[in-house]
PDB file of N, CA and C in Angstrom:
ATOM      1  N   MET A   1     -11.144  -8.681   9.426  1.00  0.00           N
ATOM      2  CA  MET A   1     -11.364  -7.250   9.904  1.00  0.00           C
ATOM      3  C   MET A   1     -10.645  -7.108  11.049  1.00  0.00           C
ATOM      4  N   ALA A   2     -10.083  -5.561  10.972  1.00  0.00           N
ATOM      5  CA  ALA A   2      -9.138  -5.180  12.049  1.00  0.00           C
ATOM      6  C   ALA A   2      -9.831  -4.654  13.383  1.00  0.00           C
ATOM      7  N   THR A   3      -9.120  -5.148  14.219  1.00  0.00           N
ATOM      8  CA  THR A   3      -9.527  -4.747  15.722  1.00  0.00           C
ATOM      9  C   THR A   3      -9.142  -3.613  16.160  1.00  0.00           C
ATOM     10  N   TYR A   4      -9.712  -2.526  16.455  1.00  0.00           N
ATOM     11  CA  TYR A   4      -9.225  -1.043  16.829  1.00  0.00           C
ATOM     12  C   TYR A   4      -9.049  -1.119  18.381  1.00  0.00           C
ATOM     13  N   THR A   5      -8.024  -0.927  18.958  1.00  0.00           N
ATOM     14  CA  THR A   5      -7.849  -1.007  20.407  1.00  0.00           C
ATOM     15  C   THR A   5      -7.067   0.250  20.825  1.00  0.00           C
ATOM     16  N   GLU A   6      -6.632   1.181  20.052  1.00  0.00           N
ATOM     17  CA  GLU A   6      -6.011   2.319  20.477  1.00  0.00           C
ATOM     18  C   GLU A   6      -6.657   3.551  20.075  1.00  0.00           C
ATOM     19  N   ARG A   7      -6.728   4.583  20.930  1.00  0.00           N
ATOM     20  CA  ARG A   7      -7.498   5.584  20.830  1.00  0.00           C
ATOM     21  C   ARG A   7      -6.643   6.974  20.458  1.00  0.00           C
ATOM     22  N   VAL A   8      -6.891   7.802  19.661  1.00  0.00           N
ATOM     23  CA  VAL A   8      -6.154   9.064  19.303  1.00  0.00           C
ATOM     24  C   VAL A   8      -7.334  10.198  19.473  1.00  0.00           C
ATOM     25  N   GLN A   9      -6.817  11.350  20.169  1.00  0.00           N
ATOM     26  CA  GLN A   9      -7.620  12.397  20.125  1.00  0.00           C
ATOM     27  C   GLN A   9      -6.832  13.553  19.532  1.00  0.00           C
ATOM     28  N   THR A  10      -7.698  14.363  18.678  1.00  0.00           N
ATOM     29  CA  THR A  10      -7.080  15.455  17.941  1.00  0.00           C
ATOM     30  C   THR A  10      -8.088  16.537  18.055  1.00  0.00           C
ATOM     31  N   MET A  11      -7.683  17.815  17.545  1.00  0.00           N
ATOM     32  CA  MET A  11      -8.367  19.160  17.701  1.00  0.00           C
ATOM     33  C   MET A  11      -8.392  19.398  15.878  1.00  0.00           C
ATOM     34  N   LEU A  12      -9.424  19.676  15.542  1.00  0.00           N
ATOM     35  CA  LEU A  12      -9.580  20.395  14.226  1.00  0.00           C
ATOM     36  C   LEU A  12     -10.271  21.698  14.185  1.00  0.00           C
ATOM     37  N   SER A  13      -9.924  22.226  13.425  1.00  0.00           N
ATOM     38  CA  SER A  13     -10.567  23.963  13.201  1.00  0.00           C
ATOM     39  C   SER A  13     -11.872  23.692  12.789  1.00  0.00           C
ATOM     40  N   LYS A  14     -12.658  24.593  12.947  1.00  0.00           N
ATOM     41  CA  LYS A  14     -14.287  24.615  12.527  1.00  0.00           C
ATOM     42  C   LYS A  14     -14.375  24.267  11.159  1.00  0.00           C
ATOM     43  N   LYS A  15     -13.621  24.492  10.228  1.00  0.00           N
ATOM     44  CA  LYS A  15     -13.515  24.403   8.845  1.00  0.00           C
ATOM     45  C   LYS A  15     -13.305  22.932   8.561  1.00  0.00           C
ATOM     46  N   GLN A  16     -12.192  22.418   9.012  1.00  0.00           N
ATOM     47  CA  GLN A  16     -11.834  21.057   8.851  1.00  0.00           C
ATOM     48  C   GLN A  16     -13.160  20.101   9.541  1.00  0.00           C
ATOM     49  N   PHE A  17     -13.378  20.533  10.615  1.00  0.00           N
ATOM     50  CA  PHE A  17     -14.683  19.611  11.137  1.00  0.00           C
ATOM     51  C   PHE A  17     -15.921  19.668  10.346  1.00  0.00           C
ATOM     52  N   ARG A  18     -16.378  20.961   9.702  1.00  0.00           N
ATOM     53  CA  ARG A  18     -17.481  20.811   8.899  1.00  0.00           C
ATOM     54  C   ARG A  18     -17.120  20.109   7.607  1.00  0.00           C
ATOM     55  N   GLU A  19     -15.772  20.291   6.967  1.00  0.00           N
ATOM     56  CA  GLU A  19     -15.826  19.555   5.891  1.00  0.00           C
ATOM     57  C   GLU A  19     -15.577  18.010   5.930  1.00  0.00           C
ATOM     58  N   ILE A  20     -14.988  17.522   7.158  1.00  0.00           N
ATOM     59  CA  ILE A  20     -15.135  16.139   7.404  1.00  0.00           C
ATOM     60  C   ILE A  20     -16.454  15.726   7.711  1.00  0.00           C
ATOM     61  N   THR A  21     -17.320  16.367   8.320  1.00  0.00           N
ATOM     62  CA  THR A  21     -18.779  16.196   8.646  1.00  0.00           C
ATOM     63  C   THR A  21     -19.755  16.125   7.373  1.00  0.00           C
ATOM     64  N   LYS A  22     -19.318  16.927   6.508  1.00  0.00           N
ATOM     65  CA  LYS A  22     -19.958  16.892   5.061  1.00  0.00           C
ATOM     66  C   LYS A  22     -19.413  15.633   4.425  1.00  0.00           C
ATOM     67  N   LEU A  23     -18.311  15.256   4.319  1.00  0.00           N
ATOM     68  CA  LEU A  23     -17.543  14.107   3.701  1.00  0.00           C
ATOM     69  C   LEU A  23     -18.298  12.879   4.195  1.00  0.00           C
ATOM     70  N   SER A  24     -18.583  12.763   5.638  1.00  0.00           N
ATOM     71  CA  SER A  24     -18.948  11.606   6.219  1.00  0.00           C
ATOM     72  C   SER A  24     -20.388  11.681   5.883  1.00  0.00           C
ATOM     73  N   ARG A  25     -21.090  12.674   5.864  1.00  0.00           N
ATOM     74  CA  ARG A  25     -22.785  12.423   5.321  1.00  0.00           C
ATOM     75  C   ARG A  25     -22.506  11.910   4.099  1.00  0.00           C
ATOM     76  N   ARG A  26     -21.910  12.576   3.035  1.00  0.00           N
ATOM     77  CA  ARG A  26     -22.052  12.465   1.604  1.00  0.00           C
ATOM     78  C   ARG A  26     -21.518  10.927   1.277  1.00  0.00           C
ATOM     79  N   THR A  27     -20.434  10.391   2.130  1.00  0.00           N
ATOM     80  CA  THR A  27     -20.025   9.002   1.983  1.00  0.00           C
ATOM     81  C   THR A  27     -20.730   8.042   2.701  1.00  0.00           C
ATOM     82  N   GLU A  28     -21.344   8.298   3.461  1.00  0.00           N
ATOM     83  CA  GLU A  28     -22.137   7.484   4.499  1.00  0.00           C
ATOM     84  C   GLU A  28     -21.130   6.667   5.252  1.00  0.00           C
ATOM     85  N   GLN A  29     -19.976   7.130   5.631  1.00  0.00           N
ATOM     86  CA  GLN A  29     -18.951   6.514   6.492  1.00  0.00           C
ATOM     87  C   GLN A  29     -18.734   7.541   7.680  1.00  0.00           C
ATOM     88  N   PRO A  30     -18.533   6.838   9.009  1.00  0.00           N
ATOM     89  CA  PRO A  30     -18.059   7.653  10.090  1.00  0.00           C
ATOM     90  C   PRO A  30     -16.792   8.312  10.001  1.00  0.00           C
ATOM     91  N   ILE A  31     -16.640   9.455  10.554  1.00  0.00           N
ATOM     92  CA  ILE A  31     -15.237  10.113  10.413  1.00  0.00           C
ATOM     93  C   ILE A  31     -14.363   9.229  10.681  1.00  0.00           C
ATOM     94  N   SER A  32     -14.342   8.367  11.640  1.00  0.00           N
ATOM     95  CA  SER A  32     -13.225   7.507  12.255  1.00  0.00           C
ATOM     96  C   SER A  32     -12.742   6.677  10.856  1.00  0.00           C
ATOM     97  N   VAL A  33     -13.687   6.272  10.231  1.00  0.00           N
ATOM     98  CA  VAL A  33     -13.029   5.606   9.102  1.00  0.00           C
ATOM     99  C   VAL A  33     -12.473   6.281   8.097  1.00  0.00           C
ATOM    100  N   LEU A  34     -12.975   7.633   7.683  1.00  0.00           N
ATOM    101  CA  LEU A  34     -12.517   8.415   6.845  1.00  0.00           C
ATOM    102  C   LEU A  34     -11.020   8.904   7.243  1.00  0.00           C
ATOM    103  N   LEU A  35     -10.909   9.036   8.485  1.00  0.00           N
ATOM    104  CA  LEU A  35      -9.584   9.562   9.149  1.00  0.00           C
ATOM    105  C   LEU A  35      -8.606   8.525   9.056  1.00  0.00           C
ATOM    106  N   ARG A  36      -9.129   7.230   9.244  1.00  0.00           N
ATOM    107  CA  ARG A  36      -8.033   5.985   9.144  1.00  0.00           C
ATOM    108  C   ARG A  36      -7.735   5.916   7.789  1.00  0.00           C
ATOM    109  N   GLU A  37      -8.623   5.881   6.671  1.00  0.00           N
ATOM    110  CA  GLU A  37      -8.288   5.874   5.543  1.00  0.00           C
ATOM    111  C   GLU A  37      -7.358   6.915   4.947  1.00  0.00           C
ATOM    112  N   ALA A  38      -7.554   8.009   5.261  1.00  0.00           N
ATOM    113  CA  ALA A  38      -6.528   9.287   5.164  1.00  0.00           C
ATOM    114  C   ALA A  38      -5.156   8.960   5.570  1.00  0.00           C
ATOM    115  N   LEU A  39      -4.972   8.485   6.803  1.00  0.00           N
ATOM    116  CA  LEU A  39      -3.745   7.972   7.487  1.00  0.00           C
ATOM    117  C   LEU A  39      -3.124   7.057   6.612  1.00  0.00           C
ATOM    118  N   ASN A  40      -3.812   5.874   6.355  1.00  0.00           N
ATOM    119  CA  ASN A  40      -3.247   4.715   5.316  1.00  0.00           C
ATOM    120  C   ASN A  40      -2.697   5.450   3.952  1.00  0.00           C
ATOM    121  N   LYS A  41      -3.499   6.151   3.287  1.00  0.00           N
ATOM    122  CA  LYS A  41      -3.183   6.755   2.207  1.00  0.00           C
ATOM    123  C   LYS A  41      -2.061   7.543   2.081  1.00  0.00           C
ATOM    124  N   THR A  42      -1.953   8.329   3.142  1.00  0.00           N
ATOM    125  CA  THR A  42      -1.022   9.469   3.179  1.00  0.00           C
ATOM    126  C   THR A  42       0.324   9.088   3.784  1.00  0.00           C
ATOM    127  N   TYR A  43       0.445   8.202   4.694  1.00  0.00           N
ATOM    128  CA  TYR A  43       1.561   7.913   5.376  1.00  0.00           C
ATOM    129  C   TYR A  43       2.080   6.504   5.267  1.00  0.00           C
ATOM    130  N   PHE A  44       1.173   5.523   5.569  1.00  0.00           N
ATOM    131  CA  PHE A  44       1.555   4.253   5.274  1.00  0.00           C
ATOM    132  C   PHE A  44       1.784   3.584   3.899  1.00  0.00           C
ATOM    133  N   HIS A  45       0.911   4.089   3.132  1.00  0.00           N
ATOM    134  CA  HIS A  45       1.166   3.662   1.613  1.00  0.00           C
ATOM    135  C   HIS A  45       2.527   4.154   1.165  1.00  0.00           C
ATOM    136  N   THR A  46       3.002   5.467   1.643  1.00  0.00           N
ATOM    137  CA  THR A  46       4.367   5.942   1.339  1.00  0.00           C
ATOM    138  C   THR A  46       5.415   4.783   1.920  1.00  0.00           C
ATOM    139  N   VAL A  47       5.294   4.411   3.097  1.00  0.00           N
ATOM    140  CA  VAL A  47       6.121   3.646   3.620  1.00  0.00           C
ATOM    141  C   VAL A  47       6.165   2.319   2.657  1.00  0.00           C
ATOM    142  N   SER A  48       5.102   1.621   2.287  1.00  0.00           N
ATOM    143  CA  SER A  48       4.916   0.507   1.604  1.00  0.00           C
ATOM    144  C   SER A  48       5.555   0.769   0.139  1.00  0.00           C
ATOM    145  N   LEU A  49       5.630   2.039  -0.507  1.00  0.00           N
ATOM    146  CA  LEU A  49       6.192   2.168  -1.698  1.00  0.00           C
ATOM    147  C   LEU A  49       7.691   2.007  -1.579  1.00  0.00           C
ATOM    148  N   GLU A  50       8.172   2.930  -0.515  1.00  0.00           N
ATOM    149  CA  GLU A  50       9.683   2.940  -0.225  1.00  0.00           C
ATOM    150  C   GLU A  50      10.137   1.593  -0.063  1.00  0.00           C
ATOM    151  N   GLN A  51       9.476   0.833   0.770  1.00  0.00           N
ATOM    152  CA  GLN A  51      10.003  -0.368   1.098  1.00  0.00           C
ATOM    153  C   GLN A  51       9.803  -1.386  -0.305  1.00  0.00           C
ATOM    154  N   ARG A  52       8.972  -1.117  -1.264  1.00  0.00           N
ATOM    155  CA  ARG A  52       9.118  -1.827  -2.593  1.00  0.00           C
ATOM    156  C   ARG A  52      10.208  -1.516  -3.501  1.00  0.00           C
ATOM    157  N   ARG A  53      10.329   0.052  -3.387  1.00  0.00           N
ATOM    158  CA  ARG A  53      11.555   0.414  -4.062  1.00  0.00           C
ATOM    159  C   ARG A  53      12.908  -0.206  -3.586  1.00  0.00           C
ATOM    160  N   MET A  54      12.972  -0.132  -2.453  1.00  0.00           N
ATOM    161  CA  MET A  54      14.398  -0.766  -1.674  1.00  0.00           C
ATOM    162  C   MET A  54      14.335  -2.133  -2.145  1.00  0.00           C
ATOM    163  N   ALA A  55      13.277  -2.922  -1.954  1.00  0.00           N
ATOM    164  CA  ALA A  55      13.330  -4.338  -2.524  1.00  0.00           C
ATOM    165  C   ALA A  55      13.711  -4.481  -3.987  1.00  0.00           C
ATOM    166  N   ALA A  56      13.148  -3.623  -4.887  1.00  0.00           N
ATOM    167  CA  ALA A  56      13.346  -3.601  -6.266  1.00  0.00           C
ATOM    168  C   ALA A  56      14.924  -3.176  -6.459  1.00  0.00           C
ATOM    169  N   LYS A  57      15.594  -2.290  -5.772  1.00  0.00           N
ATOM    170  CA  LYS A  57      16.972  -1.802  -5.851  1.00  0.00           C
ATOM    171  C   LYS A  57      17.769  -3.085  -5.408  1.00  0.00           C
ATOM    172  N   ARG A  58      17.339  -3.684  -4.503  1.00  0.00           N
ATOM    173  CA  ARG A  58      18.134  -5.091  -3.873  1.00  0.00           C
ATOM    174  C   ARG A  58      18.224  -6.009  -5.073  1.00  0.00           C
ATOM    175  N   LEU A  59      17.090  -6.290  -5.639  1.00  0.00           N
ATOM    176  CA  LEU A  59      16.925  -7.216  -6.594  1.00  0.00           C
ATOM    177  C   LEU A  59      17.640  -6.959  -7.724  1.00  0.00           C
ATOM    178  N   ALA A  60      17.710  -5.542  -8.195  1.00  0.00           N
ATOM    179  CA  ALA A  60      18.523  -5.079  -9.404  1.00  0.00           C
ATOM    180  C   ALA A  60      19.917  -5.456  -8.946  1.00  0.00           C
ATOM    181  N   SER A  61      20.396  -5.288  -7.759  1.00  0.00           N
ATOM    182  CA  SER A  61      21.704  -5.577  -7.614  1.00  0.00           C
ATOM    183  C   SER A  61      22.358  -6.822  -7.594  1.00  0.00           C
ATOM    184  N   LEU A  62      21.341  -7.720  -7.629  1.00  0.00           N
ATOM    185  CA  LEU A  62      21.981  -9.202  -7.716  1.00  0.00           C
ATOM    186  C   LEU A  62      22.724  -9.517  -9.195  1.00  0.00           C
ATOM    187  N   GLN A  63      23.634 -10.327  -8.838  1.00  0.00           N
ATOM    188  CA  GLN A  63      24.454 -10.752  -9.931  1.00  0.00           C
ATOM    189  C   GLN A  63      23.655 -12.034 -10.579  1.00  0.00           C
ATOM    190  N   ALA A  64      22.534 -11.857 -10.740  1.00  0.00           N
ATOM    191  CA  ALA A  64      21.557 -13.325 -11.168  1.00  0.00           C
ATOM    192  C   ALA A  64      22.066 -13.405 -12.890  1.00  0.00           C
ATOM    193  N   PRO A  65      22.290 -14.761 -13.146  1.00  0.00           N
ATOM    194  CA  PRO A  65      22.580 -14.901 -14.784  1.00  0.00           C
ATOM    195  C   PRO A  65      21.195 -14.318 -15.517  1.00  0.00           C
ATOM    196  N   VAL A  66      21.207 -13.702 -16.425  1.00  0.00           N
ATOM    197  CA  VAL A  66      20.095 -13.175 -17.338  1.00  0.00           C
ATOM    198  C   VAL A  66      20.325 -13.619 -18.780  1.00  0.00           C
ATOM    199  N   SER A  67      19.537 -14.185 -19.271  1.00  0.00           N
ATOM    200  CA  SER A  67      19.605 -14.423 -20.676  1.00  0.00           C
ATOM    201  C   SER A  67      18.230 -13.688 -21.494  1.00  0.00           C
ATOM    202  N   ASP A  68      18.553 -14.190 -22.788  1.00  0.00           N
ATOM    203  CA  ASP A  68      17.646 -13.749 -23.877  1.00  0.00           C
ATOM    204  C   ASP A  68      16.249 -14.169 -23.250  1.00  0.00           C
ATOM    205  N   TRP A  69      15.343 -13.457 -23.396  1.00  0.00           N
ATOM    206  CA  TRP A  69      13.744 -13.614 -22.655  1.00  0.00           C
ATOM    207  C   TRP A  69      13.278 -14.910 -23.430  1.00  0.00           C
ATOM    208  N   ASP A  70      13.334 -15.102 -24.733  1.00  0.00           N
ATOM    209  CA  ASP A  70      12.692 -16.266 -25.037  1.00  0.00           C
ATOM    210  C   ASP A  70      13.317 -17.634 -24.862  1.00  0.00           C
ATOM    211  N   GLN A  71      14.443 -17.558 -24.361  1.00  0.00           N
ATOM    212  CA  GLN A  71      15.405 -18.615 -23.841  1.00  0.00           C
ATOM    213  C   GLN A  71      14.726 -18.896 -22.309  1.00  0.00           C
ATOM    214  N   MET A  72      15.048 -17.662 -21.738  1.00  0.00           N
ATOM    215  CA  MET A  72      14.448 -17.681 -20.297  1.00  0.00           C
ATOM    216  C   MET A  72      12.971 -18.480 -20.189  1.00  0.00           C
ATOM    217  N   GLU A  73      12.181 -17.933 -20.902  1.00  0.00           N
ATOM    218  CA  GLU A  73      10.827 -18.353 -20.904  1.00  0.00           C
ATOM    219  C   GLU A  73      10.830 -19.898 -21.271  1.00  0.00           C
ATOM    220  N   GLU A  74      11.555 -20.253 -22.069  1.00  0.00           N
ATOM    221  CA  GLU A  74      11.624 -21.667 -22.515  1.00  0.00           C
ATOM    222  C   GLU A  74      12.070 -22.552 -21.233  1.00  0.00           C
ATOM    223  N   GLU A  75      13.073 -22.004 -20.624  1.00  0.00           N
ATOM    224  CA  GLU A  75      13.520 -22.805 -19.186  1.00  0.00           C
ATOM    225  C   GLU A  75      12.535 -22.692 -18.158  1.00  0.00           C
ATOM    226  N   ILE A  76      11.786 -21.724 -17.878  1.00  0.00           N
ATOM    227  CA  ILE A  76      10.894 -21.602 -17.115  1.00  0.00           C
ATOM    228  C   ILE A  76       9.704 -22.636 -17.231  1.00  0.00           C
ATOM    229  N   GLU A  77       9.174 -22.602 -18.574  1.00  0.00           N
ATOM    230  CA  GLU A  77       8.239 -23.500 -18.926  1.00  0.00           C
ATOM    231  C   GLU A  77       8.556 -24.884 -18.796  1.00  0.00           C
ATOM    232  N   ALA A  78       9.809 -25.190 -19.170  1.00  0.00           N
ATOM    233  CA  ALA A  78      10.452 -26.587 -19.006  1.00  0.00           C
ATOM    234  C   ALA A  78      10.359 -27.194 -17.496  1.00  0.00           C
ATOM    235  N   GLY A  79      10.748 -26.033 -16.572  1.00  0.00           N
ATOM    236  CA  GLY A  79      10.944 -26.301 -15.299  1.00  0.00           C
ATOM    237  C   GLY A  79       9.420 -26.517 -14.673  1.00  0.00           C
ATOM    238  N   ILE A  80       8.504 -25.959 -15.279  1.00  0.00           N
ATOM    239  CA  ILE A  80       6.880 -25.962 -14.798  1.00  0.00           C
ATOM    240  C   ILE A  80       6.266 -27.626 -15.374  1.00  0.00           C
ATOM    241  N   ARG A  81       6.832 -27.826 -16.277  1.00  0.00           N
ATOM    242  CA  ARG A  81       6.364 -29.210 -16.891  1.00  0.00           C
ATOM    243  C   ARG A  81       6.940 -30.508 -16.297  1.00  0.00           C
ATOM    244  N   GLN A  82       8.199 -30.256 -15.445  1.00  0.00           N
ATOM    245  CA  GLN A  82       8.845 -31.314 -14.952  1.00  0.00           C
ATOM    246  C   GLN A  82       8.232 -31.994 -13.693  1.00  0.00           C
ATOM    247  N   PRO A  83       8.072 -33.100 -13.545  1.00  0.00           N
ATOM    248  CA  PRO A  83       7.246 -33.677 -12.321  1.00  0.00           C
ATOM    249  C   PRO A  83       7.923 -33.206 -10.885  1.00  0.00           C
TER     250      PRO A  83
END
């Protein structure tokens, strides 16, 4: 479980506060948990997706030898069987 040590303060409109309070009651989760989840989904997940895209792009740019799938599968399985 994460240890939370940093504090952030923000101001919400009355409507925003009313809605997040309703959501907190409905989900039985503290407002702080809802806000952390929203940050993760909105901002940090996007970073993760961009990192994955870049990794896939680098992988695709490799000049690795590629064969017919059946042949490659046989080679992989043969490698697994070897002691």
